[in-house]
Amino acid sequence: KMNLGIAEGVALVVALAQRLAAVSNPACDLAVCPPAILIPPLVEALKGSAIMLGAQDCHSEARGAHTGDISAFMVKDAGCGFVILGHSERRADHGESDAEVKAKAAASHAADLITIICIGETQDQRDQAQAADVVAAQLAGSLPSDSSAENTVIAYEPVWAIGT
């Protein structure tokens, strides 16, 4: 999301890291994926923590004249291990297609990042009993051929269930 400034973002992850450190043998992994501007200070804030860091998006190209975008290599170089791709807000606000998500995922894999591919149906699609078809099409269209359990996580998040 695009809600916190640098000081607030750092304070939040420091609090999360302290809470996680108090848990012996946590039953899950925890990753945060902040806006790109927060990645460098969070890399520092999370040193020694079990919390992993990711980015909210990356470009499908490794380099080029893409003002305002960041490449998967840049995400990796900044200290991230993950990148979220295909979030419904990016699909809606930026018109991202399954093909673009697939190209970004291929770039993410080439940069040795774990790719979190988001899929999910809208309320209208759910009401029209199209959810399974929509999600299957998103999945098929968004996964590059080199996807595996080691480099890809599928996040099913129905659009109708997303909060702000």
Protein backbone atom coordinates (compact mmCIF):
# COMPACT_ATOMS: atom_id res chain seq x y z
CA LYS A 1 0.00 0.00 0.00
CA MET A 2 0.98 3.64 -0.21
CA ASN A 3 0.20 4.78 3.33
CA LEU A 4 3.30 5.27 5.50
CA GLY A 5 6.23 7.65 5.36
CA ILE A 6 9.78 6.58 6.11
CA ALA A 7 9.68 7.14 9.88
CA GLU A 8 6.31 5.40 10.23
CA GLY A 9 7.41 2.49 8.04
CA VAL A 10 10.61 1.96 9.99
CA ALA A 11 8.74 2.14 13.31
CA LEU A 12 6.21 -0.42 12.09
CA VAL A 13 8.79 -3.00 10.97
CA VAL A 14 10.89 -2.49 14.09
CA ALA A 15 7.79 -3.24 16.17
CA LEU A 16 7.04 -6.29 14.00
CA ALA A 17 10.62 -7.53 14.36
CA GLN A 18 10.44 -7.17 18.14
CA ARG A 19 7.15 -9.07 18.29
CA LEU A 20 8.50 -11.82 16.02
CA ALA A 21 11.69 -12.12 18.08
CA ALA A 22 9.55 -12.77 21.16
CA VAL A 23 7.98 -15.83 19.50
CA SER A 24 9.93 -19.04 19.90
CA ASN A 25 9.77 -21.23 16.81
CA PRO A 26 7.27 -19.18 14.79
CA ALA A 27 5.06 -21.36 12.59
CA CYS A 28 5.33 -19.05 9.61
CA ASP A 29 7.68 -16.84 7.66
CA LEU A 30 7.07 -13.10 7.64
CA ALA A 31 7.89 -10.75 4.79
CA VAL A 32 7.04 -7.10 4.28
CA CYS A 33 6.80 -5.51 0.85
CA PRO A 34 6.85 -1.72 1.24
CA PRO A 35 6.85 1.00 -1.41
CA ALA A 36 10.26 1.27 -3.13
CA ILE A 37 11.22 4.46 -1.28
CA LEU A 38 11.11 2.54 2.03
CA ILE A 39 13.29 -0.39 0.98
CA PRO A 40 16.73 1.08 1.84
CA PRO A 41 15.84 2.23 5.37
CA LEU A 42 14.00 -1.05 6.04
CA VAL A 43 17.01 -3.10 4.93
CA GLU A 44 18.90 -1.37 7.73
CA ALA A 45 16.06 -1.60 10.25
CA LEU A 46 15.60 -5.34 9.64
CA LYS A 47 19.26 -6.39 9.95
CA GLY A 48 19.41 -9.34 12.33
CA SER A 49 15.65 -9.85 12.12
CA ALA A 50 13.83 -12.90 10.80
CA ILE A 51 11.57 -10.64 8.72
CA MET A 52 12.20 -10.83 4.99
CA LEU A 53 11.89 -7.88 2.63
CA GLY A 54 10.27 -7.60 -0.77
CA ALA A 55 9.09 -4.99 -3.26
CA GLN A 56 5.59 -4.19 -4.46
CA ASP A 57 6.42 -4.38 -8.18
CA CYS A 58 9.19 -4.46 -10.76
CA HIS A 59 9.52 -3.76 -14.46
CA SER A 60 9.70 -6.53 -17.04
CA GLU A 61 12.87 -5.10 -18.60
CA ALA A 62 16.29 -5.35 -16.98
CA ARG A 63 17.33 -1.85 -18.10
CA GLY A 64 16.10 1.01 -20.22
CA ALA A 65 14.27 4.29 -20.41
CA HIS A 66 11.42 3.45 -18.04
CA THR A 67 11.13 6.55 -15.87
CA GLY A 68 9.67 5.84 -12.46
CA ASP A 69 10.06 2.06 -12.73
CA ILE A 70 12.54 -0.25 -11.02
CA SER A 71 13.96 -3.44 -12.46
CA ALA A 72 14.00 -6.81 -10.75
CA PHE A 73 17.80 -6.53 -10.58
CA MET A 74 17.43 -3.20 -8.72
CA VAL A 75 14.98 -4.84 -6.30
CA LYS A 76 17.47 -7.65 -5.63
CA ASP A 77 20.41 -5.25 -5.40
CA ALA A 78 18.52 -3.12 -2.85
CA GLY A 79 18.32 -6.12 -0.51
CA CYS A 80 14.97 -7.71 -1.31
CA GLY A 81 14.27 -11.39 -1.77
CA PHE A 82 10.68 -11.09 -3.00
CA VAL A 83 8.54 -9.07 -5.37
CA ILE A 84 4.75 -8.87 -5.57
CA LEU A 85 3.38 -8.99 -9.12
CA GLY A 86 -0.12 -8.85 -10.55
CA HIS A 87 -1.79 -7.28 -7.54
CA SER A 88 -5.38 -6.40 -8.39
CA GLU A 89 -4.69 -2.72 -7.73
CA ARG A 90 -1.86 -2.75 -10.31
CA ARG A 91 -4.04 -4.68 -12.75
CA ALA A 92 -6.88 -2.14 -12.32
CA ASP A 93 -4.97 1.13 -11.87
CA HIS A 94 -2.23 0.44 -14.43
CA GLY A 95 -4.03 -1.90 -16.80
CA GLU A 96 -1.55 -4.71 -16.20
CA SER A 97 -2.39 -7.82 -18.18
CA ASP A 98 -1.56 -11.42 -17.42
CA ALA A 99 1.09 -11.22 -20.18
CA GLU A 100 2.76 -8.26 -18.45
CA VAL A 101 2.67 -10.06 -15.11
CA LYS A 102 4.25 -13.08 -16.81
CA ALA A 103 7.03 -10.94 -18.31
CA LYS A 104 7.68 -9.31 -14.94
CA ALA A 105 7.76 -12.74 -13.27
CA ALA A 106 10.32 -13.95 -15.80
CA ALA A 107 12.46 -10.88 -15.02
CA SER A 108 12.02 -11.55 -11.31
CA HIS A 109 13.19 -15.14 -11.70
CA ALA A 110 16.17 -14.00 -13.79
CA ALA A 111 17.15 -11.71 -10.89
CA ASP A 112 16.85 -14.64 -8.45
CA LEU A 113 13.86 -13.18 -6.62
CA ILE A 114 10.94 -15.13 -5.24
CA THR A 115 7.88 -13.98 -7.14
CA ILE A 116 4.55 -13.54 -5.41
CA ILE A 117 1.91 -13.65 -8.16
CA CYS A 118 -1.48 -12.31 -7.13
CA ILE A 119 -4.69 -13.68 -8.59
CA GLY A 120 -8.32 -13.12 -7.69
CA GLU A 121 -11.77 -12.41 -9.03
CA THR A 122 -14.00 -9.34 -8.67
CA GLN A 123 -17.36 -9.35 -6.91
CA ASP A 124 -19.17 -9.31 -10.28
CA GLN A 125 -17.17 -12.29 -11.51
CA ARG A 126 -17.93 -14.14 -8.30
CA ASP A 127 -21.64 -13.31 -8.52
CA GLN A 128 -21.72 -14.60 -12.10
CA ALA A 129 -20.07 -17.90 -11.04
CA GLN A 130 -16.95 -17.05 -13.08
CA ALA A 131 -14.45 -17.07 -10.20
CA ALA A 132 -12.81 -20.41 -11.00
CA ASP A 133 -12.47 -19.60 -14.71
CA VAL A 134 -11.07 -16.11 -14.04
CA VAL A 135 -8.54 -17.35 -11.50
CA ALA A 136 -7.48 -20.26 -13.72
CA ALA A 137 -6.97 -17.89 -16.67
CA GLN A 138 -4.97 -15.44 -14.53
CA LEU A 139 -2.81 -18.26 -13.26
CA ALA A 140 -2.19 -19.77 -16.69
CA GLY A 141 -1.47 -16.37 -18.24
CA SER A 142 0.78 -15.05 -15.46
CA LEU A 143 3.20 -17.94 -14.84
CA PRO A 144 6.41 -18.07 -16.88
CA SER A 145 7.67 -21.51 -17.91
CA ASP A 146 10.44 -21.51 -15.30
CA SER A 147 8.01 -21.13 -12.38
CA SER A 148 8.47 -23.60 -9.54
CA ALA A 149 7.68 -23.98 -5.86
CA GLU A 150 11.16 -22.61 -5.16
CA ASN A 151 10.76 -19.32 -7.04
CA THR A 152 7.01 -18.63 -7.08
CA VAL A 153 4.28 -18.11 -4.51
CA ILE A 154 0.65 -17.78 -5.60
CA ALA A 155 -1.38 -15.33 -3.53
CA TYR A 156 -5.11 -15.79 -4.00
CA GLU A 157 -6.73 -12.56 -2.94
CA PRO A 158 -10.25 -11.99 -4.24
CA VAL A 159 -10.65 -8.34 -5.25
CA TRP A 160 -13.90 -8.14 -3.30
CA ALA A 161 -12.08 -9.10 -0.08
CA ILE A 162 -9.29 -6.50 -0.24
CA GLY A 163 -9.26 -3.72 2.33
CA THR A 164 -7.51 -0.39 2.18
